[in-house]
C-alpha atoms as a PDB file:
ATOM      1  CA  MET A   1       0.000   0.000   0.000  1.00  0.00           C
ATOM      2  CA  PRO A   2       1.466   3.423  -0.943  1.00  0.00           C
ATOM      3  CA  PRO A   3       2.117   5.965   1.838  1.00  0.00           C
ATOM      4  CA  VAL A   4      -0.769   8.287   2.775  1.00  0.00           C
ATOM      5  CA  GLU A   5       0.368  11.915   2.881  1.00  0.00           C
ATOM      6  CA  ARG A   6      -1.134  15.036   4.406  1.00  0.00           C
ATOM      7  CA  ARG A   7       0.326  18.541   4.802  1.00  0.00           C
ATOM      8  CA  GLY A   8      -0.170  20.183   8.179  1.00  0.00           C
ATOM      9  CA  TRP A   9       1.026  22.920  10.542  1.00  0.00           C
ATOM     10  CA  LEU A  10       2.128  21.546  13.930  1.00  0.00           C
ATOM     11  CA  PHE A  11       0.503  23.503  16.756  1.00  0.00           C
ATOM     12  CA  HIS A  12       0.478  21.152  19.753  1.00  0.00           C
ATOM     13  CA  MET A  13       2.005  17.942  21.140  1.00  0.00           C
ATOM     14  CA  LEU A  14       1.321  15.693  24.142  1.00  0.00           C
ATOM     15  CA  PRO A  15       3.093  12.609  25.544  1.00  0.00           C
ATOM     16  CA  THR A  16       1.062   9.420  25.310  1.00  0.00           C
ATOM     17  CA  THR A  17       1.401   5.633  25.444  1.00  0.00           C
ATOM     18  CA  ARG A  18       0.263   2.882  23.107  1.00  0.00           C
ATOM     19  CA  VAL A  19      -0.028  -0.838  23.824  1.00  0.00           C
ATOM     20  CA  ASP A  20       1.674  -3.019  21.239  1.00  0.00           C
ATOM     21  CA  GLN A  21      -0.920  -5.522  20.048  1.00  0.00           C
ATOM     22  CA  SER A  22       1.547  -8.350  19.479  1.00  0.00           C
ATOM     23  CA  SER A  23       3.561  -8.125  22.718  1.00  0.00           C
ATOM     24  CA  GLY A  24       1.205  -6.236  25.048  1.00  0.00           C
ATOM     25  CA  VAL A  25       4.043  -3.847  25.945  1.00  0.00           C
ATOM     26  CA  GLU A  26       3.161  -0.236  26.711  1.00  0.00           C
ATOM     27  CA  GLN A  27       5.191   2.009  24.392  1.00  0.00           C
ATOM     28  CA  ALA A  28       5.890   5.713  24.851  1.00  0.00           C
ATOM     29  CA  GLY A  29       4.838   8.065  22.082  1.00  0.00           C
ATOM     30  CA  LEU A  30       4.136  11.691  21.258  1.00  0.00           C
ATOM     31  CA  ASP A  31       0.771  12.830  19.899  1.00  0.00           C
ATOM     32  CA  LEU A  32       1.291  15.557  17.280  1.00  0.00           C
ATOM     33  CA  TYR A  33      -1.630  17.843  16.428  1.00  0.00           C
ATOM     34  CA  PHE A  34      -1.784  19.562  13.032  1.00  0.00           C
ATOM     35  CA  VAL A  35      -4.055  21.933  11.148  1.00  0.00           C
ATOM     36  CA  ASP A  36      -4.105  21.587   7.362  1.00  0.00           C
ATOM     37  CA  GLN A  37      -4.471  24.261   4.692  1.00  0.00           C
ATOM     38  CA  ALA A  38      -8.256  23.893   4.754  1.00  0.00           C
ATOM     39  CA  GLY A  39      -8.380  24.572   8.506  1.00  0.00           C
ATOM     40  CA  GLU A  40      -9.114  20.960   9.492  1.00  0.00           C
ATOM     41  CA  ASN A  41      -7.321  19.335  12.411  1.00  0.00           C
ATOM     42  CA  PHE A  42      -5.653  15.924  12.403  1.00  0.00           C
ATOM     43  CA  LYS A  43      -3.381  13.968  14.718  1.00  0.00           C
ATOM     44  CA  THR A  44      -0.615  11.412  14.409  1.00  0.00           C
ATOM     45  CA  THR A  45       1.429   9.527  17.002  1.00  0.00           C
ATOM     46  CA  LEU A  46       5.197   9.061  16.891  1.00  0.00           C
ATOM     47  CA  LEU A  47       6.638   6.191  18.935  1.00  0.00           C
ATOM     48  CA  HIS A  48      10.104   6.871  20.341  1.00  0.00           C
ATOM     49  CA  ARG A  49      12.021   5.044  23.043  1.00  0.00           C
ATOM     50  CA  PRO A  50      13.020   7.185  26.048  1.00  0.00           C
ATOM     51  CA  TYR A  51      16.580   6.812  27.287  1.00  0.00           C
ATOM     52  CA  PHE A  52      19.362   8.250  29.427  1.00  0.00           C
ATOM     53  CA  TYR A  53      23.129   7.777  29.632  1.00  0.00           C
ATOM     54  CA  LEU A  54      25.141   5.916  32.249  1.00  0.00           C
ATOM     55  CA  LEU A  55      28.787   6.859  32.774  1.00  0.00           C
ATOM     56  CA  THR A  56      31.389   4.580  34.312  1.00  0.00           C
ATOM     57  CA  LYS A  57      34.762   5.391  35.853  1.00  0.00           C
ATOM     58  CA  ARG A  58      36.524   3.040  33.475  1.00  0.00           C
ATOM     59  CA  GLU A  59      35.385   1.110  30.446  1.00  0.00           C
ATOM     60  CA  ASP A  60      33.521  -2.120  31.085  1.00  0.00           C
ATOM     61  CA  GLU A  61      32.339  -4.048  28.028  1.00  0.00           C
ATOM     62  CA  ASN A  62      30.379  -6.541  30.150  1.00  0.00           C
ATOM     63  CA  LEU A  63      28.250  -3.960  31.960  1.00  0.00           C
ATOM     64  CA  GLY A  64      25.571  -3.947  29.274  1.00  0.00           C
ATOM     65  CA  GLN A  65      24.761  -7.631  29.791  1.00  0.00           C
ATOM     66  CA  LEU A  66      24.786  -7.193  33.569  1.00  0.00           C
ATOM     67  CA  LEU A  67      22.305  -4.321  33.285  1.00  0.00           C
ATOM     68  CA  LEU A  68      20.007  -6.293  30.970  1.00  0.00           C
ATOM     69  CA  ARG A  69      19.985  -9.233  33.388  1.00  0.00           C
ATOM     70  CA  LYS A  70      19.428  -7.073  36.478  1.00  0.00           C
ATOM     71  CA  PHE A  71      16.607  -5.078  34.862  1.00  0.00           C
ATOM     72  CA  ASP A  72      15.142  -7.900  32.801  1.00  0.00           C
ATOM     73  CA  GLY A  73      11.777  -6.931  31.340  1.00  0.00           C
ATOM     74  CA  ILE A  74      12.335  -3.234  32.128  1.00  0.00           C
ATOM     75  CA  LEU A  75      15.520  -2.248  30.316  1.00  0.00           C
ATOM     76  CA  GLN A  76      15.056  -2.998  26.608  1.00  0.00           C
ATOM     77  CA  GLU A  77      18.505  -2.213  25.205  1.00  0.00           C
ATOM     78  CA  ALA A  78      21.956  -1.094  26.352  1.00  0.00           C
ATOM     79  CA  GLN A  79      24.186   0.498  23.721  1.00  0.00           C
ATOM     80  CA  HIS A  80      27.869   1.390  24.181  1.00  0.00           C
ATOM     81  CA  VAL A  81      28.190   4.774  22.450  1.00  0.00           C
ATOM     82  CA  PRO A  82      30.758   7.617  22.334  1.00  0.00           C
ATOM     83  CA  MET A  83      30.015  10.923  24.072  1.00  0.00           C
ATOM     84  CA  VAL A  84      31.832  14.238  24.432  1.00  0.00           C
ATOM     85  CA  ASP A  85      32.147  14.816  28.188  1.00  0.00           C
ATOM     86  CA  LEU A  86      31.369  18.468  28.975  1.00  0.00           C
ATOM     87  CA  ASP A  87      33.115  18.103  32.343  1.00  0.00           C
ATOM     88  CA  MET A  88      36.436  17.821  30.550  1.00  0.00           C
ATOM     89  CA  PRO A  89      38.388  21.118  30.577  1.00  0.00           C
ATOM     90  CA  ASN A  90      39.129  20.836  26.833  1.00  0.00           C
ATOM     91  CA  HIS A  91      35.710  19.619  25.675  1.00  0.00           C
ATOM     92  CA  LEU A  92      35.463  22.471  23.111  1.00  0.00           C
ATOM     93  CA  SER A  93      38.698  21.454  21.405  1.00  0.00           C
ATOM     94  CA  PRO A  94      38.260  19.791  17.980  1.00  0.00           C
ATOM     95  CA  ASP A  95      40.846  17.216  19.094  1.00  0.00           C
ATOM     96  CA  ASN A  96      39.004  16.399  22.311  1.00  0.00           C
ATOM     97  CA  LEU A  97      38.631  12.668  22.922  1.00  0.00           C
ATOM     98  CA  THR A  98      35.218  11.151  23.450  1.00  0.00           C
ATOM     99  CA  ARG A  99      34.521   8.616  26.149  1.00  0.00           C
ATOM    100  CA  LYS A 100      32.387   5.511  25.893  1.00  0.00           C
ATOM    101  CA  VAL A 101      29.104   5.622  27.842  1.00  0.00           C
ATOM    102  CA  TRP A 102      26.066   3.361  28.103  1.00  0.00           C
ATOM    103  CA  LYS A 103      22.836   4.475  26.441  1.00  0.00           C
ATOM    104  CA  LEU A 104      19.945   2.754  28.218  1.00  0.00           C
ATOM    105  CA  LEU A 105      16.706   2.536  26.217  1.00  0.00           C
ATOM    106  CA  PHE A 106      13.209   1.748  27.505  1.00  0.00           C
ATOM    107  CA  ASP A 107       9.745   1.121  26.108  1.00  0.00           C
ATOM    108  CA  ASN A 108       8.134   3.814  28.264  1.00  0.00           C
ATOM    109  CA  VAL A 109       8.888   6.550  30.768  1.00  0.00           C
ATOM    110  CA  SER A 110       7.727   4.495  33.779  1.00  0.00           C
ATOM    111  CA  GLN A 111      10.424   1.908  33.074  1.00  0.00           C
ATOM    112  CA  LEU A 112      13.007   4.680  32.722  1.00  0.00           C
ATOM    113  CA  MET A 113      12.082   6.207  36.077  1.00  0.00           C
ATOM    114  CA  ASP A 114      12.195   2.814  37.804  1.00  0.00           C
ATOM    115  CA  VAL A 115      15.703   1.997  36.577  1.00  0.00           C
ATOM    116  CA  ARG A 116      16.872   5.568  37.106  1.00  0.00           C
ATOM    117  CA  LYS A 117      15.875   5.427  40.773  1.00  0.00           C
ATOM    118  CA  GLN A 118      17.681   2.133  41.376  1.00  0.00           C
ATOM    119  CA  LEU A 119      20.857   3.226  39.595  1.00  0.00           C
ATOM    120  CA  MET A 120      20.930   6.520  41.476  1.00  0.00           C
ATOM    121  CA  GLU A 121      20.795   4.653  44.770  1.00  0.00           C
ATOM    122  CA  MET A 122      23.636   2.368  43.664  1.00  0.00           C
ATOM    123  CA  ILE A 123      25.771   5.307  42.545  1.00  0.00           C
ATOM    124  CA  LYS A 124      25.057   7.252  45.724  1.00  0.00           C
ATOM    125  CA  SER A 125      26.159   4.336  47.889  1.00  0.00           C
ATOM    126  CA  THR A 126      29.629   4.313  46.284  1.00  0.00           C
ATOM    127  CA  ALA A 127      30.053   8.048  45.579  1.00  0.00           C
ATOM    128  CA  ALA A 128      32.107   8.690  48.724  1.00  0.00           C
ATOM    129  CA  LYS A 129      34.902   6.480  47.366  1.00  0.00           C
ATOM    130  CA  ASN A 130      35.367   8.719  44.321  1.00  0.00           C
ATOM    131  CA  GLU A 131      35.720  12.141  45.925  1.00  0.00           C
ATOM    132  CA  GLY A 132      38.454  14.252  44.381  1.00  0.00           C
ATOM    133  CA  VAL A 133      38.660  12.275  41.153  1.00  0.00           C
ATOM    134  CA  THR A 134      38.331  14.586  38.131  1.00  0.00           C
ATOM    135  CA  ALA A 135      36.718  13.755  34.798  1.00  0.00           C
ATOM    136  CA  GLU A 136      40.125  14.033  33.102  1.00  0.00           C
ATOM    137  CA  ASN A 137      41.665  11.471  35.446  1.00  0.00           C
ATOM    138  CA  LEU A 138      38.707   9.181  34.892  1.00  0.00           C
ATOM    139  CA  LEU A 139      39.182   9.323  31.125  1.00  0.00           C
ATOM    140  CA  LEU A 140      42.914   8.606  31.416  1.00  0.00           C
ATOM    141  CA  SER A 141      42.152   5.688  33.730  1.00  0.00           C
ATOM    142  CA  ASN A 142      39.591   4.443  31.244  1.00  0.00           C
ATOM    143  CA  GLN A 143      42.173   4.445  28.458  1.00  0.00           C
ATOM    144  CA  ASN A 144      44.765   2.648  30.559  1.00  0.00           C
ATOM    145  CA  ASP A 145      42.351  -0.061  31.745  1.00  0.00           C
ATOM    146  CA  VAL A 146      40.849  -1.026  28.388  1.00  0.00           C
ATOM    147  CA  GLY A 147      40.614  -4.823  28.220  1.00  0.00           C
ATOM    148  CA  ALA A 148      40.953  -5.347  31.965  1.00  0.00           C
ATOM    149  CA  SER A 149      38.450  -7.879  33.285  1.00  0.00           C
ATOM    150  CA  MET A 150      36.093  -6.880  36.119  1.00  0.00           C
ATOM    151  CA  SER A 151      34.018  -8.889  38.564  1.00  0.00           C
ATOM    152  CA  VAL A 152      30.283  -8.258  38.956  1.00  0.00           C
ATOM    153  CA  ALA A 153      30.879  -6.358  42.209  1.00  0.00           C
ATOM    154  CA  ASP A 154      33.560  -4.268  40.514  1.00  0.00           C
ATOM    155  CA  SER A 155      31.164  -3.443  37.666  1.00  0.00           C
ATOM    156  CA  TRP A 156      28.516  -2.101  40.042  1.00  0.00           C
ATOM    157  CA  SER A 157      31.046  -0.053  42.027  1.00  0.00           C
ATOM    158  CA  ASN A 158      32.402   1.214  38.694  1.00  0.00           C
ATOM    159  CA  LEU A 159      29.210   3.207  38.027  1.00  0.00           C
ATOM    160  CA  GLN A 160      29.902   6.936  38.010  1.00  0.00           C
ATOM    161  CA  GLU A 161      26.817   9.045  37.181  1.00  0.00           C
ATOM    162  CA  LEU A 162      23.729   9.433  34.996  1.00  0.00           C
ATOM    163  CA  ARG A 163      23.347  11.981  32.217  1.00  0.00           C
ATOM    164  CA  GLU A 164      20.207  13.396  30.555  1.00  0.00           C
ATOM    165  CA  TYR A 165      17.986  11.417  32.918  1.00  0.00           C
ATOM    166  CA  ASP A 166      15.714  14.435  33.597  1.00  0.00           C
ATOM    167  CA  VAL A 167      14.985  15.479  29.991  1.00  0.00           C
ATOM    168  CA  PRO A 168      11.170  15.636  29.562  1.00  0.00           C
ATOM    169  CA  TYR A 169       9.929  13.050  27.110  1.00  0.00           C
ATOM    170  CA  SER A 170       8.389  15.557  24.673  1.00  0.00           C
ATOM    171  CA  VAL A 171      11.663  17.510  24.615  1.00  0.00           C
ATOM    172  CA  ARG A 172      13.637  14.304  24.031  1.00  0.00           C
ATOM    173  CA  VAL A 173      11.527  13.350  21.006  1.00  0.00           C
ATOM    174  CA  CYS A 174      11.716  16.852  19.494  1.00  0.00           C
ATOM    175  CA  MET A 175      15.500  16.998  19.955  1.00  0.00           C
ATOM    176  CA  ASP A 176      16.141  13.546  18.527  1.00  0.00           C
ATOM    177  CA  LEU A 177      13.774  13.846  15.556  1.00  0.00           C
ATOM    178  CA  ASN A 178      14.228  17.604  14.949  1.00  0.00           C
ATOM    179  CA  ILE A 179      10.529  18.399  15.424  1.00  0.00           C
ATOM    180  CA  ARG A 180       9.462  22.020  15.970  1.00  0.00           C
ATOM    181  CA  ALA A 181       6.040  23.439  16.762  1.00  0.00           C
ATOM    182  CA  GLY A 182       4.852  26.179  14.400  1.00  0.00           C
ATOM    183  CA  THR A 183       6.263  24.328  11.383  1.00  0.00           C
ATOM    184  CA  TRP A 184       4.585  22.870   8.306  1.00  0.00           C
ATOM    185  CA  TYR A 185       5.290  19.170   7.707  1.00  0.00           C
ATOM    186  CA  THR A 186       4.272  16.576   5.180  1.00  0.00           C
ATOM    187  CA  VAL A 187       2.975  13.714   7.335  1.00  0.00           C
ATOM    188  CA  SER A 188       3.258  10.325   5.634  1.00  0.00           C
ATOM    189  CA  LEU A 189       1.855   7.061   6.989  1.00  0.00           C
ATOM    190  CA  VAL A 190       4.087   4.185   5.898  1.00  0.00           C
ATOM    191  CA  TYR A 191       2.219   0.898   6.220  1.00  0.00           C
ATOM    192  CA  GLN A 192       4.057  -2.183   7.451  1.00  0.00           C
ATOM    193  CA  GLU A 193       2.975  -5.790   7.364  1.00  0.00           C
ATOM    194  CA  GLY A 194       1.618  -7.047  10.658  1.00  0.00           C
ATOM    195  CA  GLY A 195       1.774  -3.701  12.476  1.00  0.00           C
ATOM    196  CA  PRO A 196       0.298  -0.199  12.678  1.00  0.00           C
ATOM    197  CA  PRO A 197       1.364   2.448  10.136  1.00  0.00           C
ATOM    198  CA  ILE A 198       4.494   4.420  10.976  1.00  0.00           C
ATOM    199  CA  PRO A 199       4.236   8.229  10.595  1.00  0.00           C
ATOM    200  CA  HIS A 200       7.081  10.077   8.912  1.00  0.00           C
ATOM    201  CA  LEU A 201       7.561  13.877   8.922  1.00  0.00           C
ATOM    202  CA  SER A 202       9.289  15.565   5.985  1.00  0.00           C
ATOM    203  CA  ASP A 203       9.619  18.854   4.051  1.00  0.00           C
ATOM    204  CA  PRO A 204       9.606  21.217   7.065  1.00  0.00           C
ATOM    205  CA  ASP A 205       8.650  24.844   6.394  1.00  0.00           C
ATOM    206  CA  ILE A 206       9.068  27.218   9.343  1.00  0.00           C
ATOM    207  CA  GLU A 207       8.591  30.471   7.390  1.00  0.00           C
ATOM    208  CA  THR A 208       5.005  30.075   6.144  1.00  0.00           C
ATOM    209  CA  LYS A 209       2.480  30.997   8.819  1.00  0.00           C
ATOM    210  CA  GLY A 210      -0.234  28.559   9.798  1.00  0.00           C
ATOM    211  CA  THR A 211      -3.936  29.395   9.993  1.00  0.00           C
ATOM    212  CA  PRO A 212      -5.205  27.839  13.215  1.00  0.00           C
ATOM    213  CA  ARG A 213      -8.678  28.601  14.540  1.00  0.00           C
ATOM    214  CA  VAL A 214      -8.379  30.105  18.025  1.00  0.00           C
ATOM    215  CA  LEU A 215     -11.030  30.383  20.739  1.00  0.00           C
ATOM    216  CA  ALA A 216     -10.080  32.790  23.521  1.00  0.00           C
ATOM    217  CA  TYR A 217     -12.302  33.509  26.515  1.00  0.00           C
ATOM    218  CA  ASP A 218     -12.227  35.486  29.759  1.00  0.00           C
ATOM    219  CA  ILE A 219     -14.355  35.067  32.916  1.00  0.00           C
ATOM    220  CA  GLU A 220     -14.882  38.145  35.097  1.00  0.00           C
ATOM    221  CA  CYS A 221     -15.786  37.644  38.763  1.00  0.00           C
ATOM    222  CA  THR A 222     -16.508  39.812  41.755  1.00  0.00           C
ATOM    223  CA  LYS A 223     -13.858  39.662  44.485  1.00  0.00           C
ATOM    224  CA  ALA A 224     -12.512  41.413  47.536  1.00  0.00           C
ATOM    225  CA  PRO A 225      -9.697  43.959  46.998  1.00  0.00           C
ATOM    226  CA  LEU A 226      -6.297  42.328  46.476  1.00  0.00           C
ATOM    227  CA  LYS A 227      -7.855  38.844  46.740  1.00  0.00           C
ATOM    228  CA  PHE A 228      -8.482  36.039  44.285  1.00  0.00           C
ATOM    229  CA  PRO A 229     -12.132  35.155  43.563  1.00  0.00           C
ATOM    230  CA  ASN A 230     -13.716  32.717  46.029  1.00  0.00           C
ATOM    231  CA  ALA A 231     -16.211  30.237  44.588  1.00  0.00           C
ATOM    232  CA  ASP A 232     -18.186  30.175  47.857  1.00  0.00           C
ATOM    233  CA  HIS A 233     -19.429  33.776  47.683  1.00  0.00           C
ATOM    234  CA  ASP A 234     -18.033  35.584  44.596  1.00  0.00           C
ATOM    235  CA  GLU A 235     -20.186  35.738  41.471  1.00  0.00           C
ATOM    236  CA  ILE A 236     -19.491  35.601  37.757  1.00  0.00           C
ATOM    237  CA  TYR A 237     -20.776  38.755  36.102  1.00  0.00           C
ATOM    238  CA  MET A 238     -19.335  38.462  32.581  1.00  0.00           C
ATOM    239  CA  ILE A 239     -17.955  35.865  30.190  1.00  0.00           C
ATOM    240  CA  SER A 240     -16.367  37.182  27.033  1.00  0.00           C
ATOM    241  CA  TYR A 241     -14.974  35.190  24.137  1.00  0.00           C
ATOM    242  CA  MET A 242     -13.532  35.607  20.682  1.00  0.00           C
ATOM    243  CA  VAL A 243     -13.122  33.194  17.781  1.00  0.00           C
ATOM    244  CA  SER A 244     -10.565  33.916  15.080  1.00  0.00           C
END
């Protein structure tokens, strides 16, 4: 089946969840609300896995498997990815070295918050042992200890800190997928066999103004001087509204 396309101006977005029909897993998504050139509204939902980063004091290739076993059914994937550490004094240098960190991906925000809480408690319990150690020394230690084997206990005590764990889900999706409100997009639904259609946004246009219909209203109440209205005794004496 060919993709179904519709041109729309993005004016609103809300986090949501959707249950996968095949697995029963609750998946995080972002509802995107558009208005088309004829003034009609439509909505599509983008599914995107939430995640945060886990930093270690020295590189540990086996940590990913340990994390997946410990958080079985909650943590969906652990990727070993490079990251520029902003705590390094020379992080703006073009020759600055990246460090390997763990990117932990989840099906929904509830899973993320559960694992985040447990990891924070583990890191807090061992933080006193690492006082006075700078990010630069940690990176040098990481380079020197590449290939060194670690026990399970050593791997847990090797945890350093979490990064980007407090990014709101809607912000995360917009950053990762380069989505901006107040922009025209061509929304395409790509159908896949055995699953729901996948929306795809293309051809962004931020210069052309949208034409949303706006309802604005104002409720005027009686009240005591310098006080907010009280529903027990104050009265509404005017409701005004305007439709564009």
